[in-house]
Amino acid sequence: MLQKTYKIGEIASLTGLKPFVLRFWETEFPQLAPVRTKKGQRAYTDEHLALVNTIKTLLYEEKLTIDGARQRLAGSGQDKALLKQVYAELAVIRRMLAT
């Protein structure tokens, strides 16, 4: 099944941002890299839409700088890895206590 994609104008309408802002963010946030169609148009996915909304929140509501938002986004992957490690260690401890 094909994933729904959006053109830059659709993403701009959905998020309340201007297309030039989205193009600029693509240069600043490596995670925001829409695929290109054969005609060269940007094709954003639902994941890209969620990322744009997250970036917008970090910049406009939390008042982070672009660098701060970039660091926060980069840290979210590290946070998930750390949580997985903690859960795995807790599972081992639970098994030890159960015996």
PDB file of N, CA and C in Angstrom:
ATOM      1  N   MET A   1       0.838  -1.181   0.000  1.00  0.00           N
ATOM      2  CA  MET A   1       0.000   0.000   0.000  1.00  0.00           C
ATOM      3  C   MET A   1       0.885   1.247   0.000  1.00  0.00           C
ATOM      4  N   LEU A   2       0.566   2.184  -0.822  1.00  0.00           N
ATOM      5  CA  LEU A   2       1.356   3.406  -0.928  1.00  0.00           C
ATOM      6  C   LEU A   2       1.059   4.342   0.231  1.00  0.00           C
ATOM      7  N   GLN A   3       2.106   5.004   0.682  1.00  0.00           N
ATOM      8  CA  GLN A   3       1.959   5.957   1.773  1.00  0.00           C
ATOM      9  C   GLN A   3       1.474   7.296   1.220  1.00  0.00           C
ATOM     10  N   LYS A   4       0.580   7.947   1.957  1.00  0.00           N
ATOM     11  CA  LYS A   4       0.062   9.263   1.560  1.00  0.00           C
ATOM     12  C   LYS A   4       1.214  10.258   1.568  1.00  0.00           C
ATOM     13  N   THR A   5       1.292  11.043   0.514  1.00  0.00           N
ATOM     14  CA  THR A   5       2.304  12.097   0.459  1.00  0.00           C
ATOM     15  C   THR A   5       1.610  13.437   0.232  1.00  0.00           C
ATOM     16  N   TYR A   6       2.309  14.480   0.627  1.00  0.00           N
ATOM     17  CA  TYR A   6       1.796  15.842   0.538  1.00  0.00           C
ATOM     18  C   TYR A   6       2.795  16.691  -0.222  1.00  0.00           C
ATOM     19  N   LYS A   7       2.302  17.639  -0.991  1.00  0.00           N
ATOM     20  CA  LYS A   7       3.165  18.620  -1.633  1.00  0.00           C
ATOM     21  C   LYS A   7       3.478  19.714  -0.616  1.00  0.00           C
ATOM     22  N   ILE A   8       4.481  20.516  -0.913  1.00  0.00           N
ATOM     23  CA  ILE A   8       4.926  21.544   0.030  1.00  0.00           C
ATOM     24  C   ILE A   8       3.802  22.535   0.356  1.00  0.00           C
ATOM     25  N   GLY A   9       2.976  22.863  -0.626  1.00  0.00           N
ATOM     26  CA  GLY A   9       1.861  23.782  -0.382  1.00  0.00           C
ATOM     27  C   GLY A   9       0.840  23.197   0.582  1.00  0.00           C
ATOM     28  N   GLU A  10       0.621  21.880   0.485  1.00  0.00           N
ATOM     29  CA  GLU A  10      -0.315  21.218   1.409  1.00  0.00           C
ATOM     30  C   GLU A  10       0.229  21.234   2.831  1.00  0.00           C
ATOM     31  N   ILE A  11       1.516  20.939   2.972  1.00  0.00           N
ATOM     32  CA  ILE A  11       2.143  20.971   4.303  1.00  0.00           C
ATOM     33  C   ILE A  11       2.092  22.389   4.861  1.00  0.00           C
ATOM     34  N   ALA A  12       2.336  23.370   4.016  1.00  0.00           N
ATOM     35  CA  ALA A  12       2.287  24.767   4.445  1.00  0.00           C
ATOM     36  C   ALA A  12       0.883  25.109   4.955  1.00  0.00           C
ATOM     37  N   SER A  13      -0.140  24.679   4.241  1.00  0.00           N
ATOM     38  CA  SER A  13      -1.519  24.952   4.669  1.00  0.00           C
ATOM     39  C   SER A  13      -1.855  24.243   5.968  1.00  0.00           C
ATOM     40  N   LEU A  14      -1.429  22.982   6.091  1.00  0.00           N
ATOM     41  CA  LEU A  14      -1.746  22.198   7.282  1.00  0.00           C
ATOM     42  C   LEU A  14      -1.058  22.723   8.539  1.00  0.00           C
ATOM     43  N   THR A  15       0.122  23.302   8.366  1.00  0.00           N
ATOM     44  CA  THR A  15       0.907  23.746   9.520  1.00  0.00           C
ATOM     45  C   THR A  15       0.841  25.251   9.757  1.00  0.00           C
ATOM     46  N   GLY A  16       0.323  26.005   8.786  1.00  0.00           N
ATOM     47  CA  GLY A  16       0.286  27.453   8.928  1.00  0.00           C
ATOM     48  C   GLY A  16       1.632  28.109   8.690  1.00  0.00           C
ATOM     49  N   LEU A  17       2.524  27.409   7.995  1.00  0.00           N
ATOM     50  CA  LEU A  17       3.848  27.944   7.693  1.00  0.00           C
ATOM     51  C   LEU A  17       3.929  28.311   6.216  1.00  0.00           C
ATOM     52  N   LYS A  18       4.877  29.136   5.875  1.00  0.00           N
ATOM     53  CA  LYS A  18       5.124  29.505   4.486  1.00  0.00           C
ATOM     54  C   LYS A  18       6.049  28.448   3.855  1.00  0.00           C
ATOM     55  N   PRO A  19       5.898  28.183   2.557  1.00  0.00           N
ATOM     56  CA  PRO A  19       6.771  27.206   1.903  1.00  0.00           C
ATOM     57  C   PRO A  19       8.259  27.526   2.039  1.00  0.00           C
ATOM     58  N   PHE A  20       8.619  28.811   2.028  1.00  0.00           N
ATOM     59  CA  PHE A  20      10.045  29.144   2.153  1.00  0.00           C
ATOM     60  C   PHE A  20      10.592  28.755   3.524  1.00  0.00           C
ATOM     61  N   VAL A  21       9.729  28.779   4.543  1.00  0.00           N
ATOM     62  CA  VAL A  21      10.156  28.351   5.881  1.00  0.00           C
ATOM     63  C   VAL A  21      10.450  26.858   5.859  1.00  0.00           C
ATOM     64  N   LEU A  22       9.585  26.084   5.224  1.00  0.00           N
ATOM     65  CA  LEU A  22       9.799  24.636   5.123  1.00  0.00           C
ATOM     66  C   LEU A  22      11.085  24.319   4.354  1.00  0.00           C
ATOM     67  N   ARG A  23      11.316  25.037   3.269  1.00  0.00           N
ATOM     68  CA  ARG A  23      12.545  24.816   2.502  1.00  0.00           C
ATOM     69  C   ARG A  23      13.775  25.156   3.339  1.00  0.00           C
ATOM     70  N   PHE A  24      13.693  26.232   4.123  1.00  0.00           N
ATOM     71  CA  PHE A  24      14.810  26.596   4.991  1.00  0.00           C
ATOM     72  C   PHE A  24      15.040  25.526   6.050  1.00  0.00           C
ATOM     73  N   TRP A  25      13.960  25.052   6.666  1.00  0.00           N
ATOM     74  CA  TRP A  25      14.097  24.022   7.699  1.00  0.00           C
ATOM     75  C   TRP A  25      14.729  22.745   7.150  1.00  0.00           C
ATOM     76  N   GLU A  26      14.479  22.446   5.886  1.00  0.00           N
ATOM     77  CA  GLU A  26      15.112  21.277   5.271  1.00  0.00           C
ATOM     78  C   GLU A  26      16.632  21.405   5.306  1.00  0.00           C
ATOM     79  N   THR A  27      17.145  22.628   5.205  1.00  0.00           N
ATOM     80  CA  THR A  27      18.598  22.825   5.239  1.00  0.00           C
ATOM     81  C   THR A  27      19.140  22.768   6.660  1.00  0.00           C
ATOM     82  N   GLU A  28      18.295  23.027   7.645  1.00  0.00           N
ATOM     83  CA  GLU A  28      18.737  23.096   9.039  1.00  0.00           C
ATOM     84  C   GLU A  28      18.516  21.809   9.831  1.00  0.00           C
ATOM     85  N   PHE A  29      17.539  21.012   9.424  1.00  0.00           N
ATOM     86  CA  PHE A  29      17.194  19.795  10.158  1.00  0.00           C
ATOM     87  C   PHE A  29      17.351  18.594   9.222  1.00  0.00           C
ATOM     88  N   PRO A  30      18.414  17.817   9.403  1.00  0.00           N
ATOM     89  CA  PRO A  30      18.662  16.695   8.480  1.00  0.00           C
ATOM     90  C   PRO A  30      17.541  15.648   8.470  1.00  0.00           C
ATOM     91  N   GLN A  31      16.762  15.564   9.551  1.00  0.00           N
ATOM     92  CA  GLN A  31      15.663  14.604   9.611  1.00  0.00           C
ATOM     93  C   GLN A  31      14.544  14.976   8.636  1.00  0.00           C
ATOM     94  N   LEU A  32      14.457  16.234   8.291  1.00  0.00           N
ATOM     95  CA  LEU A  32      13.406  16.732   7.408  1.00  0.00           C
ATOM     96  C   LEU A  32      13.927  16.709   5.970  1.00  0.00           C
ATOM     97  N   ALA A  33      13.798  15.548   5.344  1.00  0.00           N
ATOM     98  CA  ALA A  33      14.309  15.376   3.982  1.00  0.00           C
ATOM     99  C   ALA A  33      13.244  14.679   3.142  1.00  0.00           C
ATOM    100  N   PRO A  34      12.295  15.450   2.602  1.00  0.00           N
ATOM    101  CA  PRO A  34      11.260  14.820   1.783  1.00  0.00           C
ATOM    102  C   PRO A  34      11.858  14.227   0.511  1.00  0.00           C
ATOM    103  N   VAL A  35      11.219  13.169   0.037  1.00  0.00           N
ATOM    104  CA  VAL A  35      11.672  12.575  -1.215  1.00  0.00           C
ATOM    105  C   VAL A  35      11.257  13.491  -2.364  1.00  0.00           C
ATOM    106  N   ARG A  36      11.909  13.324  -3.484  1.00  0.00           N
ATOM    107  CA  ARG A  36      11.588  14.144  -4.661  1.00  0.00           C
ATOM    108  C   ARG A  36      10.913  13.255  -5.701  1.00  0.00           C
ATOM    109  N   THR A  37       9.900  13.803  -6.337  1.00  0.00           N
ATOM    110  CA  THR A  37       9.251  13.098  -7.429  1.00  0.00           C
ATOM    111  C   THR A  37      10.135  13.185  -8.670  1.00  0.00           C
ATOM    112  N   LYS A  38       9.737  12.490  -9.717  1.00  0.00           N
ATOM    113  CA  LYS A  38      10.510  12.553 -10.965  1.00  0.00           C
ATOM    114  C   LYS A  38      10.574  13.969 -11.511  1.00  0.00           C
ATOM    115  N   LYS A  39       9.559  14.766 -11.207  1.00  0.00           N
ATOM    116  CA  LYS A  39       9.524  16.162 -11.657  1.00  0.00           C
ATOM    117  C   LYS A  39      10.260  17.103 -10.704  1.00  0.00           C
ATOM    118  N   GLY A  40      10.806  16.560  -9.621  1.00  0.00           N
ATOM    119  CA  GLY A  40      11.565  17.368  -8.686  1.00  0.00           C
ATOM    120  C   GLY A  40      10.758  17.986  -7.566  1.00  0.00           C
ATOM    121  N   GLN A  41       9.461  17.669  -7.491  1.00  0.00           N
ATOM    122  CA  GLN A  41       8.631  18.215  -6.415  1.00  0.00           C
ATOM    123  C   GLN A  41       8.890  17.471  -5.111  1.00  0.00           C
ATOM    124  N   ARG A  42       8.786  18.178  -3.999  1.00  0.00           N
ATOM    125  CA  ARG A  42       8.953  17.567  -2.698  1.00  0.00           C
ATOM    126  C   ARG A  42       7.703  16.745  -2.374  1.00  0.00           C
ATOM    127  N   ALA A  43       7.925  15.549  -1.811  1.00  0.00           N
ATOM    128  CA  ALA A  43       6.820  14.698  -1.389  1.00  0.00           C
ATOM    129  C   ALA A  43       7.014  14.394   0.095  1.00  0.00           C
ATOM    130  N   TYR A  44       6.226  15.050   0.927  1.00  0.00           N
ATOM    131  CA  TYR A  44       6.294  14.863   2.374  1.00  0.00           C
ATOM    132  C   TYR A  44       5.375  13.720   2.788  1.00  0.00           C
ATOM    133  N   THR A  45       5.768  12.979   3.820  1.00  0.00           N
ATOM    134  CA  THR A  45       4.950  11.894   4.365  1.00  0.00           C
ATOM    135  C   THR A  45       4.295  12.358   5.664  1.00  0.00           C
ATOM    136  N   ASP A  46       3.475  11.501   6.248  1.00  0.00           N
ATOM    137  CA  ASP A  46       2.878  11.816   7.547  1.00  0.00           C
ATOM    138  C   ASP A  46       3.953  12.009   8.615  1.00  0.00           C
ATOM    139  N   GLU A  47       5.055  11.250   8.505  1.00  0.00           N
ATOM    140  CA  GLU A  47       6.156  11.408   9.461  1.00  0.00           C
ATOM    141  C   GLU A  47       6.796  12.788   9.326  1.00  0.00           C
ATOM    142  N   HIS A  48       6.945  13.241   8.092  1.00  0.00           N
ATOM    143  CA  HIS A  48       7.485  14.585   7.870  1.00  0.00           C
ATOM    144  C   HIS A  48       6.540  15.639   8.466  1.00  0.00           C
ATOM    145  N   LEU A  49       5.243  15.441   8.269  1.00  0.00           N
ATOM    146  CA  LEU A  49       4.256  16.381   8.816  1.00  0.00           C
ATOM    147  C   LEU A  49       4.374  16.449  10.330  1.00  0.00           C
ATOM    148  N   ALA A  50       4.495  15.294  10.969  1.00  0.00           N
ATOM    149  CA  ALA A  50       4.650  15.267  12.430  1.00  0.00           C
ATOM    150  C   ALA A  50       5.939  15.966  12.848  1.00  0.00           C
ATOM    151  N   LEU A  51       7.012  15.746  12.096  1.00  0.00           N
ATOM    152  CA  LEU A  51       8.293  16.383  12.400  1.00  0.00           C
ATOM    153  C   LEU A  51       8.203  17.896  12.245  1.00  0.00           C
ATOM    154  N   VAL A  52       7.544  18.365  11.196  1.00  0.00           N
ATOM    155  CA  VAL A  52       7.374  19.809  10.997  1.00  0.00           C
ATOM    156  C   VAL A  52       6.609  20.411  12.174  1.00  0.00           C
ATOM    157  N   ASN A  53       5.560  19.728  12.614  1.00  0.00           N
ATOM    158  CA  ASN A  53       4.794  20.225  13.767  1.00  0.00           C
ATOM    159  C   ASN A  53       5.642  20.236  15.038  1.00  0.00           C
ATOM    160  N   THR A  54       6.503  19.243  15.208  1.00  0.00           N
ATOM    161  CA  THR A  54       7.399  19.207  16.367  1.00  0.00           C
ATOM    162  C   THR A  54       8.394  20.361  16.307  1.00  0.00           C
ATOM    163  N   ILE A  55       8.991  20.573  15.139  1.00  0.00           N
ATOM    164  CA  ILE A  55       9.943  21.670  14.969  1.00  0.00           C
ATOM    165  C   ILE A  55       9.250  23.009  15.239  1.00  0.00           C
ATOM    166  N   LYS A  56       8.051  23.158  14.714  1.00  0.00           N
ATOM    167  CA  LYS A  56       7.293  24.397  14.922  1.00  0.00           C
ATOM    168  C   LYS A  56       7.053  24.637  16.411  1.00  0.00           C
ATOM    169  N   THR A  57       6.696  23.582  17.138  1.00  0.00           N
ATOM    170  CA  THR A  57       6.480  23.704  18.580  1.00  0.00           C
ATOM    171  C   THR A  57       7.766  24.102  19.293  1.00  0.00           C
ATOM    172  N   LEU A  58       8.855  23.446  18.938  1.00  0.00           N
ATOM    173  CA  LEU A  58      10.140  23.756  19.592  1.00  0.00           C
ATOM    174  C   LEU A  58      10.565  25.199  19.343  1.00  0.00           C
ATOM    175  N   LEU A  59      10.382  25.669  18.123  1.00  0.00           N
ATOM    176  CA  LEU A  59      10.839  27.016  17.780  1.00  0.00           C
ATOM    177  C   LEU A  59       9.876  28.107  18.223  1.00  0.00           C
ATOM    178  N   TYR A  60       8.598  27.907  18.005  1.00  0.00           N
ATOM    179  CA  TYR A  60       7.630  28.983  18.223  1.00  0.00           C
ATOM    180  C   TYR A  60       7.010  28.978  19.610  1.00  0.00           C
ATOM    181  N   GLU A  61       6.816  27.796  20.198  1.00  0.00           N
ATOM    182  CA  GLU A  61       6.183  27.745  21.519  1.00  0.00           C
ATOM    183  C   GLU A  61       7.217  27.633  22.637  1.00  0.00           C
ATOM    184  N   GLU A  62       8.206  26.762  22.455  1.00  0.00           N
ATOM    185  CA  GLU A  62       9.241  26.610  23.485  1.00  0.00           C
ATOM    186  C   GLU A  62      10.356  27.636  23.333  1.00  0.00           C
ATOM    187  N   LYS A  63      10.324  28.385  22.241  1.00  0.00           N
ATOM    188  CA  LYS A  63      11.268  29.482  21.983  1.00  0.00           C
ATOM    189  C   LYS A  63      12.724  29.036  21.927  1.00  0.00           C
ATOM    190  N   LEU A  64      12.967  27.815  21.446  1.00  0.00           N
ATOM    191  CA  LEU A  64      14.338  27.348  21.280  1.00  0.00           C
ATOM    192  C   LEU A  64      14.938  27.971  20.029  1.00  0.00           C
ATOM    193  N   THR A  65      16.247  28.053  20.010  1.00  0.00           N
ATOM    194  CA  THR A  65      16.935  28.458  18.790  1.00  0.00           C
ATOM    195  C   THR A  65      16.920  27.269  17.831  1.00  0.00           C
ATOM    196  N   ILE A  66      17.311  27.500  16.600  1.00  0.00           N
ATOM    197  CA  ILE A  66      17.383  26.395  15.646  1.00  0.00           C
ATOM    198  C   ILE A  66      18.372  25.348  16.137  1.00  0.00           C
ATOM    199  N   ASP A  67      19.505  25.801  16.654  1.00  0.00           N
ATOM    200  CA  ASP A  67      20.494  24.858  17.182  1.00  0.00           C
ATOM    201  C   ASP A  67      19.924  24.080  18.365  1.00  0.00           C
ATOM    202  N   GLY A  68      19.206  24.756  19.246  1.00  0.00           N
ATOM    203  CA  GLY A  68      18.597  24.087  20.387  1.00  0.00           C
ATOM    204  C   GLY A  68      17.556  23.066  19.959  1.00  0.00           C
ATOM    205  N   ALA A  69      16.748  23.416  18.961  1.00  0.00           N
ATOM    206  CA  ALA A  69      15.742  22.482  18.447  1.00  0.00           C
ATOM    207  C   ALA A  69      16.423  21.288  17.785  1.00  0.00           C
ATOM    208  N   ARG A  70      17.501  21.554  17.045  1.00  0.00           N
ATOM    209  CA  ARG A  70      18.244  20.473  16.395  1.00  0.00           C
ATOM    210  C   ARG A  70      18.806  19.508  17.438  1.00  0.00           C
ATOM    211  N   GLN A  71      19.350  20.057  18.522  1.00  0.00           N
ATOM    212  CA  GLN A  71      19.889  19.215  19.595  1.00  0.00           C
ATOM    213  C   GLN A  71      18.787  18.424  20.285  1.00  0.00           C
ATOM    214  N   ARG A  72      17.644  19.048  20.511  1.00  0.00           N
ATOM    215  CA  ARG A  72      16.523  18.359  21.156  1.00  0.00           C
ATOM    216  C   ARG A  72      16.048  17.193  20.290  1.00  0.00           C
ATOM    217  N   LEU A  73      15.949  17.428  18.981  1.00  0.00           N
ATOM    218  CA  LEU A  73      15.527  16.361  18.073  1.00  0.00           C
ATOM    219  C   LEU A  73      16.558  15.239  18.017  1.00  0.00           C
ATOM    220  N   ALA A  74      17.824  15.588  18.019  1.00  0.00           N
ATOM    221  CA  ALA A  74      18.879  14.572  17.993  1.00  0.00           C
ATOM    222  C   ALA A  74      18.890  13.784  19.292  1.00  0.00           C
ATOM    223  N   GLY A  75      18.590  14.441  20.389  1.00  0.00           N
ATOM    224  CA  GLY A  75      18.576  13.772  21.690  1.00  0.00           C
ATOM    225  C   GLY A  75      17.410  12.826  21.863  1.00  0.00           C
ATOM    226  N   SER A  76      16.309  13.048  21.139  1.00  0.00           N
ATOM    227  CA  SER A  76      15.139  12.194  21.323  1.00  0.00           C
ATOM    228  C   SER A  76      15.437  10.754  20.934  1.00  0.00           C
ATOM    229  N   GLY A  77      16.278  10.533  19.944  1.00  0.00           N
ATOM    230  CA  GLY A  77      16.662   9.175  19.575  1.00  0.00           C
ATOM    231  C   GLY A  77      17.521   8.535  20.647  1.00  0.00           C
ATOM    232  N   GLN A  78      18.412   9.322  21.246  1.00  0.00           N
ATOM    233  CA  GLN A  78      19.248   8.816  22.321  1.00  0.00           C
ATOM    234  C   GLN A  78      18.408   8.488  23.548  1.00  0.00           C
ATOM    235  N   ASP A  79      17.394   9.296  23.822  1.00  0.00           N
ATOM    236  CA  ASP A  79      16.518   9.050  24.958  1.00  0.00           C
ATOM    237  C   ASP A  79      15.786   7.727  24.801  1.00  0.00           C
ATOM    238  N   LYS A  80      15.314   7.418  23.612  1.00  0.00           N
ATOM    239  CA  LYS A  80      14.612   6.165  23.359  1.00  0.00           C
ATOM    240  C   LYS A  80      15.538   4.980  23.567  1.00  0.00           C
ATOM    241  N   ALA A  81      16.776   5.095  23.105  1.00  0.00           N
ATOM    242  CA  ALA A  81      17.744   4.009  23.278  1.00  0.00           C
ATOM    243  C   ALA A  81      18.030   3.784  24.752  1.00  0.00           C
ATOM    244  N   LEU A  82      18.151   4.862  25.506  1.00  0.00           N
ATOM    245  CA  LEU A  82      18.398   4.749  26.942  1.00  0.00           C
ATOM    246  C   LEU A  82      17.214   4.093  27.640  1.00  0.00           C
ATOM    247  N   LEU A  83      15.996   4.482  27.275  1.00  0.00           N
ATOM    248  CA  LEU A  83      14.810   3.871  27.871  1.00  0.00           C
ATOM    249  C   LEU A  83      14.727   2.381  27.565  1.00  0.00           C
ATOM    250  N   LYS A  84      15.061   1.976  26.357  1.00  0.00           N
ATOM    251  CA  LYS A  84      15.059   0.557  26.008  1.00  0.00           C
ATOM    252  C   LYS A  84      16.050  -0.203  26.868  1.00  0.00           C
ATOM    253  N   GLN A  85      17.205   0.390  27.100  1.00  0.00           N
ATOM    254  CA  GLN A  85      18.227  -0.246  27.921  1.00  0.00           C
ATOM    255  C   GLN A  85      17.737  -0.392  29.358  1.00  0.00           C
ATOM    256  N   VAL A  86      17.108   0.646  29.897  1.00  0.00           N
ATOM    257  CA  VAL A  86      16.588   0.599  31.264  1.00  0.00           C
ATOM    258  C   VAL A  86      15.503  -0.464  31.385  1.00  0.00           C
ATOM    259  N   TYR A  87      14.594  -0.534  30.403  1.00  0.00           N
ATOM    260  CA  TYR A  87      13.540  -1.557  30.435  1.00  0.00           C
ATOM    261  C   TYR A  87      14.125  -2.957  30.404  1.00  0.00           C
ATOM    262  N   ALA A  88      15.157  -3.158  29.587  1.00  0.00           N
ATOM    263  CA  ALA A  88      15.792  -4.469  29.508  1.00  0.00           C
ATOM    264  C   ALA A  88      16.426  -4.837  30.853  1.00  0.00           C
ATOM    265  N   GLU A  89      17.089  -3.884  31.488  1.00  0.00           N
ATOM    266  CA  GLU A  89      17.699  -4.149  32.791  1.00  0.00           C
ATOM    267  C   GLU A  89      16.640  -4.428  33.846  1.00  0.00           C
ATOM    268  N   LEU A  90      15.521  -3.720  33.804  1.00  0.00           N
ATOM    269  CA  LEU A  90      14.435  -3.978  34.753  1.00  0.00           C
ATOM    270  C   LEU A  90      13.835  -5.356  34.550  1.00  0.00           C
ATOM    271  N   ALA A  91      13.729  -5.792  33.307  1.00  0.00           N
ATOM    272  CA  ALA A  91      13.214  -7.133  33.037  1.00  0.00           C
ATOM    273  C   ALA A  91      14.123  -8.190  33.640  1.00  0.00           C
ATOM    274  N   VAL A  92      15.433  -7.988  33.539  1.00  0.00           N
ATOM    275  CA  VAL A  92      16.389  -8.923  34.139  1.00  0.00           C
ATOM    276  C   VAL A  92      16.226  -8.941  35.654  1.00  0.00           C
ATOM    277  N   ILE A  93      16.083  -7.779  36.261  1.00  0.00           N
ATOM    278  CA  ILE A  93      15.918  -7.692  37.714  1.00  0.00           C
ATOM    279  C   ILE A  93      14.619  -8.376  38.139  1.00  0.00           C
ATOM    280  N   ARG A  94      13.548  -8.182  37.393  1.00  0.00           N
ATOM    281  CA  ARG A  94      12.272  -8.845  37.710  1.00  0.00           C
ATOM    282  C   ARG A  94      12.412 -10.357  37.665  1.00  0.00           C
ATOM    283  N   ARG A  95      13.097 -10.855  36.647  1.00  0.00           N
ATOM    284  CA  ARG A  95      13.299 -12.303  36.551  1.00  0.00           C
ATOM    285  C   ARG A  95      14.116 -12.822  37.725  1.00  0.00           C
ATOM    286  N   MET A  96      15.125 -12.068  38.126  1.00  0.00           N
ATOM    287  CA  MET A  96      15.947 -12.474  39.268  1.00  0.00           C
ATOM    288  C   MET A  96      15.131 -12.500  40.550  1.00  0.00           C
ATOM    289  N   LEU A  97      14.249 -11.521  40.735  1.00  0.00           N
ATOM    290  CA  LEU A  97      13.436 -11.470  41.940  1.00  0.00           C
ATOM    291  C   LEU A  97      12.362 -12.551  41.950  1.00  0.00           C
ATOM    292  N   ALA A  98      11.906 -12.955  40.792  1.00  0.00           N
ATOM    293  CA  ALA A  98      10.859 -13.970  40.693  1.00  0.00           C
ATOM    294  C   ALA A  98      11.366 -15.357  41.046  1.00  0.00           C
ATOM    295  N   THR A  99      12.662 -15.585  40.940  1.00  0.00           N
ATOM    296  CA  THR A  99      13.217 -16.919  41.226  1.00  0.00           C
ATOM    297  C   THR A  99      13.652 -17.072  42.646  1.00  0.00           C
TER     298      THR A  99
END
